[in-house]
Structure formats: structure tokens, C-alpha cells
């Protein structure tokens, strides 16, 4: 039983840690997912709570996972883990049956699962969680109260700190198809031989005032007593879907310029705003200056938005921007950058850099060689993340050392 408990702790602990972490580094992604669920279930009034719920859920999952993995706060952690699973397992069954949202979002964009796959995963994890719960009193708590508190505080700092940084800037680990270095055109390709969507034709025929449905194998096409009414195509199998789809750039004046932008050997700045009426006004600082600088360098600078034509017209009249506005699918804009507004730099369809509105560079900071400038910026961020990761790992190792020290000290004092 001890071995089974240990295996269960590692599996459930790592799963909760992974799930909580990938949500913590992308709080806006979880916020969008919550809003999708609220909309699907007719609870739009709760949309204002989506961000808070996203941050809290990520922190809870991460902390519970850490406590279970390191066998601390055994009673509280096992109870919370069981409550999680007892709530989400039947919920995912309902989602699998009704399918209001295709992706549950339980692992953010790091791992996409169908609702049925999520339900199957939850059944397995629930079984291991029950083992942890029913064996919670099988061994004494060997960790001191101080060690338990330090581990809980450490977990909260990691989870909440990751959410805070990613909200105020951008996710420091980007699992989306629009990450830095990705080529948008490559992301739109469908491999040769990839499975396609499969459909079934449902025929409707009427006889004696009764309409009956048939499939392709039994519809009464030779029986003149049946009168054809309608035919409906039903998707029975999902085919391969490219990571990037429904991406286009167009407006009434210039038409579709998607290929032009993605094949531009020069640089293109994409000023992205899902909805112009909702963007943070502080993000508009230096934008005209940056757009003018880009035009002087013969670089493209355009705005992508899902706003209506009337909203675009009102916005342009209010701020008098000297660049063009183009329509793009809202879901694509949400996926492209977790900031409203945000800025993306392209060359030949490859994403060279992305900036949250708080980090949009001033013209005095930008170098003429934008590719080299972007690489330098990205390398600086990578170095900071490496330092942070090393520091976090050292703190965790110190915590584990202190935990072991207290345990051995307690054994010697017996």
C-alpha cells in the first residue's frame, strides 16, 4: 500500500503541478476559456469573474500538486485534490456529451485534449486521488510546521508570481502557434495524407404526411411513394486541422492582403487589438511615433482588429492614427497575443518579436536591424528566465534539505 500511495502521489502531484503551471503562465488564456464556458452555458453575467477565477484555479492546482508531491499538509491537500476531481470529473462528462466547447483548456495551450480524452484522464486520476485520500492517515506527518508553511508559501509565490508577470507582460513560455520564431504560413499548411473531415448524408423523405430520415445505404430513391424533402451533411469524424487557420488580413479599401504581408521580405509591424473599445489607452503611447518611424524606414505598420467598421471609424477619428486598419478573426487575435493592444513584428511571415502594450519600444530604443534587435531582446529575456529558474530550483532544494534535516532530527530525538 505504501508503494501504491507513493506512485499515486507522484502521478497526481506532477499532473496538478503541470496543469496549474501552464495555466499560471497564461492567465489570459484561461480567462478566455472561462468566458467561453460561461457563454456556452448562458452565464455571461459571470464573465467579469473570469480573470480572478483563472488566477485562483491555477494557484490552487499548483499548490495542491506541490503539497501532494512532497507529502505535506496531507489531510488538507488530499481533501482539496479529491474535491477537484469530484467536481471536474462529472463536469467533463457533461462537456463530453454536450460538447459546448471543443477543448476543455485543462492544460492550457500546452496540451490540447478532446472532452472525451479529458474525461478518460480524469477517471484515471480520480482513482489515484482516492488512494491518496484514503491513505492520508497511514503515516505520520514527518515535516515540521515551519517546513509545511515554507512549502505552501513557496508554491503560492511561484504560481501567483508567474500569473502576475504574464499578465503584465506576456507569457514567458509560449505554447501557441504564434510564438516567437514561428512562421505563420508553415502553421497554415496541411501535411500530405493528413486525414480530412468525414461527413454522412442524412436524407429526409416524406410519405403519408410523415417525414423520415435515411442514410446513404437505405434511402428510398427508387420508391416513388416517398417524396424527397431535404438532405443534411453531418460531420462524423474530425480531420486534421492546421495549428493556424482562419487567419486573414483584409479591409474594404485594399481587399485581402494576407499573402502580401506574409511574403514581405521587409519588416511588418502588426498593431493588434481584439476590440478597439476595450484596449488599454496607455498602450497607445508612442504608437503614432513608432508608425511614422516604420514608414520612414519603408516598413509596414498596420492594425489588426475584430472591431466593427463603425468602431474603427470612430477610433480613427478620435486618435488620428496614420496607419491602416484591417479585419482579422477575433479568435486568431486572442491567440496571437495576450495583450490588448499588443505589437507583433513579422518578416517573411516569421514572428520575430512580440510586445505587451507595457513593453512596446520607443523609437529611440529600436535599432535599424530589427532582426538583430529582436534576437538580442529575446536572448536577454531568456537569460533572465534561466537565472530565475536556477534561483527557484536552489530555493526548492534548500527547502527539501531543511525538510530532510528536520525529519532526521526528529528521528534522532525519539
Foldseek 3Di string as FASTA:
>chain_A
DVVLLLVLLLVQLVLLQQLLQLLLLALLLQLVLVCLVCVLVVNNVCSVCSSVVSLVSSLLSNLLSLCSNVVHPLQVSLVSSLVVLVVVLVVLVVCLVVVSDQFNCSNPLQDTDGSVRVNVVSVVSNVSSVVSNVCSPVDDDLFDPVLRVVSSVLSNCSRNVSNVVCLVKNRLDANAQQDAFHFQVVLQDDDPPWFAWDKWKWWWWDAPRDIDIDTPVDDPPPDPRIHTDDIDIGTPDHTDGRSDPQWWWADDPPGTCRQVQLQAQAKAKEWEAAEPVPADPLLCPQVLVVCVVCVVLVYHYEYEYQYDPVRVVVVCVVPVRDHYYIYGDSVVSCRNTVEGTKMFMDGNRGTLDIIHSVGPDHPVQADSPNNVVSVVVSVVSVVVVVVVVVVSVVVVVVSVVVRVVSSVVVVVVD
